[in-house]
């Protein structure tokens, strides 16, 4: 089963976060404070605007990533380590 995991400040659903955005600057400060995280570049296997890569590697995985979008941060199909990383960041 595939799913997205979101960090959000929305009271009920990440998709209904009007007035409850995580500011992009706040997320970027989290990224800058964590030596294991870095902004993705076009040279990376995975790249899209505002994508962050985690230096940790998992077998059979192109690399864990997180993306800030519309006031939320999300990752697709996270394993237990990614969930833990997101919880710590939150």
PDB file of N, CA and C in Angstrom:
ATOM      1  N   UNK A   1       0.846  -1.180   0.000  1.00  0.00           N
ATOM      2  CA  UNK A   1       0.000   0.000   0.000  1.00  0.00           C
ATOM      3  C   UNK A   1       0.889   1.238   0.000  1.00  0.00           C
ATOM      4  N   UNK A   2       0.546   2.214  -0.797  1.00  0.00           N
ATOM      5  CA  UNK A   2       1.297   3.465  -0.887  1.00  0.00           C
ATOM      6  C   UNK A   2       0.515   4.574  -0.193  1.00  0.00           C
ATOM      7  N   UNK A   3       1.274   5.485   0.424  1.00  0.00           N
ATOM      8  CA  UNK A   3       0.621   6.601   1.087  1.00  0.00           C
ATOM      9  C   UNK A   3       1.598   7.756   1.243  1.00  0.00           C
ATOM     10  N   UNK A   4       1.069   8.940   1.499  1.00  0.00           N
ATOM     11  CA  UNK A   4       1.869  10.126   1.816  1.00  0.00           C
ATOM     12  C   UNK A   4       1.729  10.387   3.309  1.00  0.00           C
ATOM     13  N   UNK A   5       2.810  10.818   3.917  1.00  0.00           N
ATOM     14  CA  UNK A   5       2.769  11.244   5.312  1.00  0.00           C
ATOM     15  C   UNK A   5       3.055  12.736   5.337  1.00  0.00           C
ATOM     16  N   UNK A   6       2.183  13.503   5.999  1.00  0.00           N
ATOM     17  CA  UNK A   6       2.300  14.957   6.027  1.00  0.00           C
ATOM     18  C   UNK A   6       2.589  15.457   7.427  1.00  0.00           C
ATOM     19  N   UNK A   7       3.473  16.462   7.511  1.00  0.00           N
ATOM     20  CA  UNK A   7       3.612  17.270   8.720  1.00  0.00           C
ATOM     21  C   UNK A   7       2.773  18.508   8.443  1.00  0.00           C
ATOM     22  N   UNK A   8       1.858  18.797   9.324  1.00  0.00           N
ATOM     23  CA  UNK A   8       0.944  19.909   9.099  1.00  0.00           C
ATOM     24  C   UNK A   8       0.544  20.525  10.429  1.00  0.00           C
ATOM     25  N   UNK A   9       0.070  21.743  10.360  1.00  0.00           N
ATOM     26  CA  UNK A   9      -0.503  22.393  11.541  1.00  0.00           C
ATOM     27  C   UNK A   9      -2.021  22.485  11.425  1.00  0.00           C
ATOM     28  N   UNK A  10      -2.535  21.938  10.349  1.00  0.00           N
ATOM     29  CA  UNK A  10      -3.988  21.960  10.149  1.00  0.00           C
ATOM     30  C   UNK A  10      -4.660  21.149  11.243  1.00  0.00           C
ATOM     31  N   UNK A  11      -5.787  21.611  11.748  1.00  0.00           N
ATOM     32  CA  UNK A  11      -6.430  20.902  12.849  1.00  0.00           C
ATOM     33  C   UNK A  11      -7.063  19.558  12.456  1.00  0.00           C
ATOM     34  N   UNK A  12      -7.439  19.399  11.188  1.00  0.00           N
ATOM     35  CA  UNK A  12      -8.132  18.170  10.799  1.00  0.00           C
ATOM     36  C   UNK A  12      -7.467  17.441   9.643  1.00  0.00           C
ATOM     37  N   UNK A  13      -7.103  18.163   8.601  1.00  0.00           N
ATOM     38  CA  UNK A  13      -6.540  17.530   7.412  1.00  0.00           C
ATOM     39  C   UNK A  13      -5.496  18.446   6.784  1.00  0.00           C
ATOM     40  N   UNK A  14      -4.405  17.858   6.315  1.00  0.00           N
ATOM     41  CA  UNK A  14      -3.351  18.635   5.671  1.00  0.00           C
ATOM     42  C   UNK A  14      -3.892  19.454   4.512  1.00  0.00           C
ATOM     43  N   UNK A  15      -4.947  18.978   3.864  1.00  0.00           N
ATOM     44  CA  UNK A  15      -5.478  19.673   2.691  1.00  0.00           C
ATOM     45  C   UNK A  15      -6.336  20.879   3.061  1.00  0.00           C
ATOM     46  N   UNK A  16      -6.639  21.023   4.341  1.00  0.00           N
ATOM     47  CA  UNK A  16      -7.468  22.136   4.808  1.00  0.00           C
ATOM     48  C   UNK A  16      -6.655  22.942   5.823  1.00  0.00           C
ATOM     49  N   UNK A  17      -5.504  23.482   5.360  1.00  0.00           N
ATOM     50  CA  UNK A  17      -4.607  24.129   6.303  1.00  0.00           C
ATOM     51  C   UNK A  17      -4.591  25.656   6.193  1.00  0.00           C
ATOM     52  N   UNK A  18      -5.599  26.240   5.581  1.00  0.00           N
ATOM     53  CA  UNK A  18      -5.659  27.699   5.472  1.00  0.00           C
ATOM     54  C   UNK A  18      -5.516  28.323   6.859  1.00  0.00           C
ATOM     55  N   UNK A  19      -4.569  29.238   6.978  1.00  0.00           N
ATOM     56  CA  UNK A  19      -4.327  29.889   8.262  1.00  0.00           C
ATOM     57  C   UNK A  19      -3.466  29.069   9.209  1.00  0.00           C
ATOM     58  N   UNK A  20      -3.034  27.898   8.779  1.00  0.00           N
ATOM     59  CA  UNK A  20      -2.242  27.011   9.638  1.00  0.00           C
ATOM     60  C   UNK A  20      -0.973  26.534   8.936  1.00  0.00           C
ATOM     61  N   UNK A  21      -0.458  27.318   8.002  1.00  0.00           N
ATOM     62  CA  UNK A  21       0.720  26.917   7.224  1.00  0.00           C
ATOM     63  C   UNK A  21       1.971  26.829   8.082  1.00  0.00           C
ATOM     64  N   UNK A  22       2.835  25.909   7.740  1.00  0.00           N
ATOM     65  CA  UNK A  22       4.206  25.901   8.233  1.00  0.00           C
ATOM     66  C   UNK A  22       4.950  26.831   7.278  1.00  0.00           C
ATOM     67  N   UNK A  23       5.487  27.934   7.764  1.00  0.00           N
ATOM     68  CA  UNK A  23       6.176  28.849   6.854  1.00  0.00           C
ATOM     69  C   UNK A  23       7.389  28.166   6.207  1.00  0.00           C
ATOM     70  N   UNK A  24       7.594  28.440   4.932  1.00  0.00           N
ATOM     71  CA  UNK A  24       8.720  27.837   4.227  1.00  0.00           C
ATOM     72  C   UNK A  24      10.036  28.169   4.917  1.00  0.00           C
ATOM     73  N   UNK A  25      10.181  29.400   5.394  1.00  0.00           N
ATOM     74  CA  UNK A  25      11.419  29.796   6.076  1.00  0.00           C
ATOM     75  C   UNK A  25      11.648  28.961   7.339  1.00  0.00           C
ATOM     76  N   UNK A  26      10.584  28.615   8.036  1.00  0.00           N
ATOM     77  CA  UNK A  26      10.714  27.775   9.233  1.00  0.00           C
ATOM     78  C   UNK A  26      11.181  26.370   8.852  1.00  0.00           C
ATOM     79  N   UNK A  27      10.628  25.811   7.791  1.00  0.00           N
ATOM     80  CA  UNK A  27      11.058  24.493   7.324  1.00  0.00           C
ATOM     81  C   UNK A  27      12.516  24.546   6.871  1.00  0.00           C
ATOM     82  N   UNK A  28      12.897  25.583   6.142  1.00  0.00           N
ATOM     83  CA  UNK A  28      14.282  25.704   5.677  1.00  0.00           C
ATOM     84  C   UNK A  28      15.251  25.847   6.846  1.00  0.00           C
ATOM     85  N   UNK A  29      14.826  26.475   7.925  1.00  0.00           N
ATOM     86  CA  UNK A  29      15.667  26.565   9.124  1.00  0.00           C
ATOM     87  C   UNK A  29      15.887  25.181   9.728  1.00  0.00           C
ATOM     88  N   UNK A  30      14.850  24.339   9.712  1.00  0.00           N
ATOM     89  CA  UNK A  30      14.995  22.956  10.188  1.00  0.00           C
ATOM     90  C   UNK A  30      16.005  22.219   9.314  1.00  0.00           C
ATOM     91  N   UNK A  31      15.891  22.391   8.017  1.00  0.00           N
ATOM     92  CA  UNK A  31      16.809  21.733   7.073  1.00  0.00           C
ATOM     93  C   UNK A  31      18.241  22.197   7.320  1.00  0.00           C
ATOM     94  N   UNK A  32      18.435  23.484   7.451  1.00  0.00           N
ATOM     95  CA  UNK A  32      19.781  24.027   7.646  1.00  0.00           C
ATOM     96  C   UNK A  32      20.397  23.596   8.967  1.00  0.00           C
ATOM     97  N   UNK A  33      19.580  23.351   9.972  1.00  0.00           N
ATOM     98  CA  UNK A  33      20.079  22.950  11.285  1.00  0.00           C
ATOM     99  C   UNK A  33      20.418  21.462  11.366  1.00  0.00           C
ATOM    100  N   UNK A  34      20.019  20.694  10.371  1.00  0.00           N
ATOM    101  CA  UNK A  34      20.230  19.245  10.370  1.00  0.00           C
ATOM    102  C   UNK A  34      21.273  18.891   9.315  1.00  0.00           C
ATOM    103  N   UNK A  35      22.444  18.456   9.744  1.00  0.00           N
ATOM    104  CA  UNK A  35      23.536  18.172   8.808  1.00  0.00           C
ATOM    105  C   UNK A  35      23.239  16.997   7.884  1.00  0.00           C
ATOM    106  N   UNK A  36      22.206  16.214   8.179  1.00  0.00           N
ATOM    107  CA  UNK A  36      21.838  15.085   7.321  1.00  0.00           C
ATOM    108  C   UNK A  36      20.882  15.476   6.197  1.00  0.00           C
ATOM    109  N   UNK A  37      20.380  16.702   6.218  1.00  0.00           N
ATOM    110  CA  UNK A  37      19.414  17.155   5.217  1.00  0.00           C
ATOM    111  C   UNK A  37      20.042  18.196   4.306  1.00  0.00           C
ATOM    112  N   UNK A  38      19.614  18.184   3.038  1.00  0.00           N
ATOM    113  CA  UNK A  38      20.061  19.202   2.089  1.00  0.00           C
ATOM    114  C   UNK A  38      19.016  19.373   1.004  1.00  0.00           C
ATOM    115  N   UNK A  39      19.005  20.543   0.409  1.00  0.00           N
ATOM    116  CA  UNK A  39      18.095  20.813  -0.698  1.00  0.00           C
ATOM    117  C   UNK A  39      18.508  19.982  -1.904  1.00  0.00           C
ATOM    118  N   UNK A  40      17.550  19.422  -2.602  1.00  0.00           N
ATOM    119  CA  UNK A  40      17.824  18.662  -3.823  1.00  0.00           C
ATOM    120  C   UNK A  40      18.214  19.626  -4.939  1.00  0.00           C
ATOM    121  N   UNK A  41      19.011  19.125  -5.862  1.00  0.00           N
ATOM    122  CA  UNK A  41      19.419  19.905  -7.030  1.00  0.00           C
ATOM    123  C   UNK A  41      19.006  19.131  -8.285  1.00  0.00           C
ATOM    124  N   UNK A  42      19.009  19.762  -9.445  1.00  0.00           N
ATOM    125  CA  UNK A  42      18.660  19.046 -10.675  1.00  0.00           C
ATOM    126  C   UNK A  42      19.582  17.858 -10.976  1.00  0.00           C
ATOM    127  N   UNK A  43      20.768  17.822 -10.378  1.00  0.00           N
ATOM    128  CA  UNK A  43      21.690  16.706 -10.583  1.00  0.00           C
ATOM    129  C   UNK A  43      21.323  15.464  -9.770  1.00  0.00           C
ATOM    130  N   UNK A  44      20.401  15.585  -8.822  1.00  0.00           N
ATOM    131  CA  UNK A  44      19.993  14.452  -7.989  1.00  0.00           C
ATOM    132  C   UNK A  44      19.005  13.550  -8.721  1.00  0.00           C
ATOM    133  N   UNK A  45      18.967  12.278  -8.320  1.00  0.00           N
ATOM    134  CA  UNK A  45      17.997  11.341  -8.903  1.00  0.00           C
ATOM    135  C   UNK A  45      16.567  11.820  -8.693  1.00  0.00           C
ATOM    136  N   UNK A  46      16.311  12.365  -7.527  1.00  0.00           N
ATOM    137  CA  UNK A  46      14.991  12.909  -7.203  1.00  0.00           C
ATOM    138  C   UNK A  46      15.153  14.410  -7.070  1.00  0.00           C
ATOM    139  N   UNK A  47      14.335  15.151  -7.803  1.00  0.00           N
ATOM    140  CA  UNK A  47      14.400  16.601  -7.706  1.00  0.00           C
ATOM    141  C   UNK A  47      13.076  17.210  -8.113  1.00  0.00           C
ATOM    142  N   UNK A  48      12.581  18.049  -7.271  1.00  0.00           N
ATOM    143  CA  UNK A  48      11.487  18.938  -7.608  1.00  0.00           C
ATOM    144  C   UNK A  48      11.610  20.148  -6.696  1.00  0.00           C
ATOM    145  N   UNK A  49      10.935  21.198  -7.037  1.00  0.00           N
ATOM    146  CA  UNK A  49      11.044  22.436  -6.278  1.00  0.00           C
ATOM    147  C   UNK A  49      10.740  22.181  -4.801  1.00  0.00           C
ATOM    148  N   UNK A  50      11.593  22.701  -3.943  1.00  0.00           N
ATOM    149  CA  UNK A  50      11.455  22.620  -2.480  1.00  0.00           C
ATOM    150  C   UNK A  50      11.665  21.214  -1.915  1.00  0.00           C
ATOM    151  N   UNK A  51      12.274  20.326  -2.676  1.00  0.00           N
ATOM    152  CA  UNK A  51      12.545  18.971  -2.202  1.00  0.00           C
ATOM    153  C   UNK A  51      13.816  18.961  -1.371  1.00  0.00           C
ATOM    154  N   UNK A  52      13.785  18.207  -0.287  1.00  0.00           N
ATOM    155  CA  UNK A  52      14.922  18.046   0.613  1.00  0.00           C
ATOM    156  C   UNK A  52      15.287  16.569   0.642  1.00  0.00           C
ATOM    157  N   UNK A  53      16.577  16.288   0.553  1.00  0.00           N
ATOM    158  CA  UNK A  53      17.058  14.910   0.596  1.00  0.00           C
ATOM    159  C   UNK A  53      17.728  14.629   1.935  1.00  0.00           C
ATOM    160  N   UNK A  54      17.546  13.416   2.403  1.00  0.00           N
ATOM    161  CA  UNK A  54      18.183  12.945   3.629  1.00  0.00           C
ATOM    162  C   UNK A  54      19.367  12.097   3.204  1.00  0.00           C
ATOM    163  N   UNK A  55      20.512  12.304   3.790  1.00  0.00           N
ATOM    164  CA  UNK A  55      21.727  11.595   3.391  1.00  0.00           C
ATOM    165  C   UNK A  55      21.687  10.104   3.716  1.00  0.00           C
ATOM    166  N   UNK A  56      20.793   9.699   4.583  1.00  0.00           N
ATOM    167  CA  UNK A  56      20.704   8.281   4.938  1.00  0.00           C
ATOM    168  C   UNK A  56      20.181   7.484   3.742  1.00  0.00           C
ATOM    169  N   UNK A  57      20.749   6.334   3.527  1.00  0.00           N
ATOM    170  CA  UNK A  57      20.343   5.479   2.411  1.00  0.00           C
ATOM    171  C   UNK A  57      19.694   4.206   2.937  1.00  0.00           C
ATOM    172  N   UNK A  58      18.737   3.716   2.187  1.00  0.00           N
ATOM    173  CA  UNK A  58      18.052   2.463   2.511  1.00  0.00           C
ATOM    174  C   UNK A  58      18.165   1.550   1.304  1.00  0.00           C
ATOM    175  N   UNK A  59      18.356   0.288   1.518  1.00  0.00           N
ATOM    176  CA  UNK A  59      18.493  -0.662   0.413  1.00  0.00           C
ATOM    177  C   UNK A  59      17.237  -0.643  -0.454  1.00  0.00           C
ATOM    178  N   UNK A  60      17.457  -0.616  -1.769  1.00  0.00           N
ATOM    179  CA  UNK A  60      16.341  -0.638  -2.702  1.00  0.00           C
ATOM    180  C   UNK A  60      15.610   0.687  -2.793  1.00  0.00           C
ATOM    181  N   UNK A  61      16.216   1.742  -2.281  1.00  0.00           N
ATOM    182  CA  UNK A  61      15.565   3.046  -2.236  1.00  0.00           C
ATOM    183  C   UNK A  61      16.478   4.065  -2.899  1.00  0.00           C
ATOM    184  N   UNK A  62      15.921   4.956  -3.670  1.00  0.00           N
ATOM    185  CA  UNK A  62      16.715   5.995  -4.308  1.00  0.00           C
ATOM    186  C   UNK A  62      17.137   7.089  -3.361  1.00  0.00           C
ATOM    187  N   UNK A  63      16.689   7.025  -2.161  1.00  0.00           N
ATOM    188  CA  UNK A  63      17.035   8.046  -1.179  1.00  0.00           C
ATOM    189  C   UNK A  63      15.785   8.659  -0.582  1.00  0.00           C
ATOM    190  N   UNK A  64      15.740   8.782   0.707  1.00  0.00           N
ATOM    191  CA  UNK A  64      14.556   9.384   1.339  1.00  0.00           C
ATOM    192  C   UNK A  64      14.505  10.887   1.082  1.00  0.00           C
ATOM    193  N   UNK A  65      13.309  11.397   0.897  1.00  0.00           N
ATOM    194  CA  UNK A  65      13.129  12.809   0.633  1.00  0.00           C
ATOM    195  C   UNK A  65      11.899  13.348   1.350  1.00  0.00           C
ATOM    196  N   UNK A  66      11.893  14.679   1.474  1.00  0.00           N
ATOM    197  CA  UNK A  66      10.789  15.417   2.086  1.00  0.00           C
ATOM    198  C   UNK A  66      10.537  16.616   1.181  1.00  0.00           C
ATOM    199  N   UNK A  67       9.317  17.070   1.143  1.00  0.00           N
ATOM    200  CA  UNK A  67       9.015  18.203   0.282  1.00  0.00           C
ATOM    201  C   UNK A  67       8.059  19.151   0.995  1.00  0.00           C
ATOM    202  N   UNK A  68       8.397  20.438   0.988  1.00  0.00           N
ATOM    203  CA  UNK A  68       7.503  21.464   1.508  1.00  0.00           C
ATOM    204  C   UNK A  68       6.615  21.906   0.362  1.00  0.00           C
ATOM    205  N   UNK A  69       5.319  21.928   0.597  1.00  0.00           N
ATOM    206  CA  UNK A  69       4.378  22.361  -0.427  1.00  0.00           C
ATOM    207  C   UNK A  69       3.141  22.937   0.236  1.00  0.00           C
ATOM    208  N   UNK A  70       2.808  24.161  -0.108  1.00  0.00           N
ATOM    209  CA  UNK A  70       1.591  24.807   0.352  1.00  0.00           C
ATOM    210  C   UNK A  70       1.436  24.747   1.869  1.00  0.00           C
ATOM    211  N   UNK A  71       2.540  24.950   2.583  1.00  0.00           N
ATOM    212  CA  UNK A  71       2.466  25.039   4.044  1.00  0.00           C
ATOM    213  C   UNK A  71       2.509  23.724   4.777  1.00  0.00           C
ATOM    214  N   UNK A  72       2.745  22.633   4.078  1.00  0.00           N
ATOM    215  CA  UNK A  72       2.894  21.316   4.698  1.00  0.00           C
ATOM    216  C   UNK A  72       4.198  20.698   4.216  1.00  0.00           C
ATOM    217  N   UNK A  73       4.716  19.733   4.966  1.00  0.00           N
ATOM    218  CA  UNK A  73       5.877  18.954   4.538  1.00  0.00           C
ATOM    219  C   UNK A  73       5.404  17.516   4.411  1.00  0.00           C
ATOM    220  N   UNK A  74       5.803  16.847   3.327  1.00  0.00           N
ATOM    221  CA  UNK A  74       5.349  15.476   3.137  1.00  0.00           C
ATOM    222  C   UNK A  74       6.445  14.595   2.574  1.00  0.00           C
ATOM    223  N   UNK A  75       6.226  13.296   2.682  1.00  0.00           N
ATOM    224  CA  UNK A  75       7.071  12.282   2.060  1.00  0.00           C
ATOM    225  C   UNK A  75       6.148  11.174   1.586  1.00  0.00           C
ATOM    226  N   UNK A  76       6.572  10.467   0.559  1.00  0.00           N
ATOM    227  CA  UNK A  76       5.761   9.371   0.020  1.00  0.00           C
ATOM    228  C   UNK A  76       6.300   8.032   0.496  1.00  0.00           C
ATOM    229  N   UNK A  77       5.402   7.175   0.900  1.00  0.00           N
ATOM    230  CA  UNK A  77       5.720   5.802   1.288  1.00  0.00           C
ATOM    231  C   UNK A  77       6.865   5.706   2.291  1.00  0.00           C
ATOM    232  N   UNK A  78       6.806   6.477   3.382  1.00  0.00           N
ATOM    233  CA  UNK A  78       7.921   6.484   4.320  1.00  0.00           C
ATOM    234  C   UNK A  78       8.043   5.175   5.103  1.00  0.00           C
ATOM    235  N   UNK A  79       9.286   4.758   5.315  1.00  0.00           N
ATOM    236  CA  UNK A  79       9.522   3.610   6.197  1.00  0.00           C
ATOM    237  C   UNK A  79       9.585   4.126   7.638  1.00  0.00           C
ATOM    238  N   UNK A  80       9.836   3.239   8.578  1.00  0.00           N
ATOM    239  CA  UNK A  80       9.824   3.621   9.996  1.00  0.00           C
ATOM    240  C   UNK A  80      10.869   4.689  10.310  1.00  0.00           C
ATOM    241  N   UNK A  81      12.045   4.603   9.686  1.00  0.00           N
ATOM    242  CA  UNK A  81      13.094   5.592   9.947  1.00  0.00           C
ATOM    243  C   UNK A  81      12.680   6.980   9.447  1.00  0.00           C
ATOM    244  N   UNK A  82      12.032   7.043   8.300  1.00  0.00           N
ATOM    245  CA  UNK A  82      11.568   8.323   7.764  1.00  0.00           C
ATOM    246  C   UNK A  82      10.477   8.905   8.653  1.00  0.00           C
ATOM    247  N   UNK A  83       9.578   8.070   9.126  1.00  0.00           N
ATOM    248  CA  UNK A  83       8.524   8.523  10.031  1.00  0.00           C
ATOM    249  C   UNK A  83       9.155   9.111  11.289  1.00  0.00           C
ATOM    250  N   UNK A  84      10.149   8.444  11.834  1.00  0.00           N
ATOM    251  CA  UNK A  84      10.837   8.926  13.034  1.00  0.00           C
ATOM    252  C   UNK A  84      11.515  10.261  12.755  1.00  0.00           C
ATOM    253  N   UNK A  85      12.178  10.386  11.607  1.00  0.00           N
ATOM    254  CA  UNK A  85      12.842  11.635  11.233  1.00  0.00           C
ATOM    255  C   UNK A  85      11.814  12.769  11.134  1.00  0.00           C
ATOM    256  N   UNK A  86      10.671  12.485  10.548  1.00  0.00           N
ATOM    257  CA  UNK A  86       9.620  13.503  10.423  1.00  0.00           C
ATOM    258  C   UNK A  86       9.070  13.887  11.786  1.00  0.00           C
ATOM    259  N   UNK A  87       8.889  12.929  12.652  1.00  0.00           N
ATOM    260  CA  UNK A  87       8.398  13.232  14.006  1.00  0.00           C
ATOM    261  C   UNK A  87       9.366  14.127  14.744  1.00  0.00           C
ATOM    262  N   UNK A  88      10.656  13.845  14.619  1.00  0.00           N
ATOM    263  CA  UNK A  88      11.669  14.686  15.283  1.00  0.00           C
ATOM    264  C   UNK A  88      11.671  16.097  14.702  1.00  0.00           C
ATOM    265  N   UNK A  89      11.529  16.206  13.402  1.00  0.00           N
ATOM    266  CA  UNK A  89      11.506  17.523  12.759  1.00  0.00           C
ATOM    267  C   UNK A  89      10.272  18.310  13.181  1.00  0.00           C
ATOM    268  N   UNK A  90       9.169  17.616  13.335  1.00  0.00           N
ATOM    269  CA  UNK A  90       7.920  18.275  13.720  1.00  0.00           C
ATOM    270  C   UNK A  90       8.007  18.820  15.128  1.00  0.00           C
TER     271      UNK A  90
END
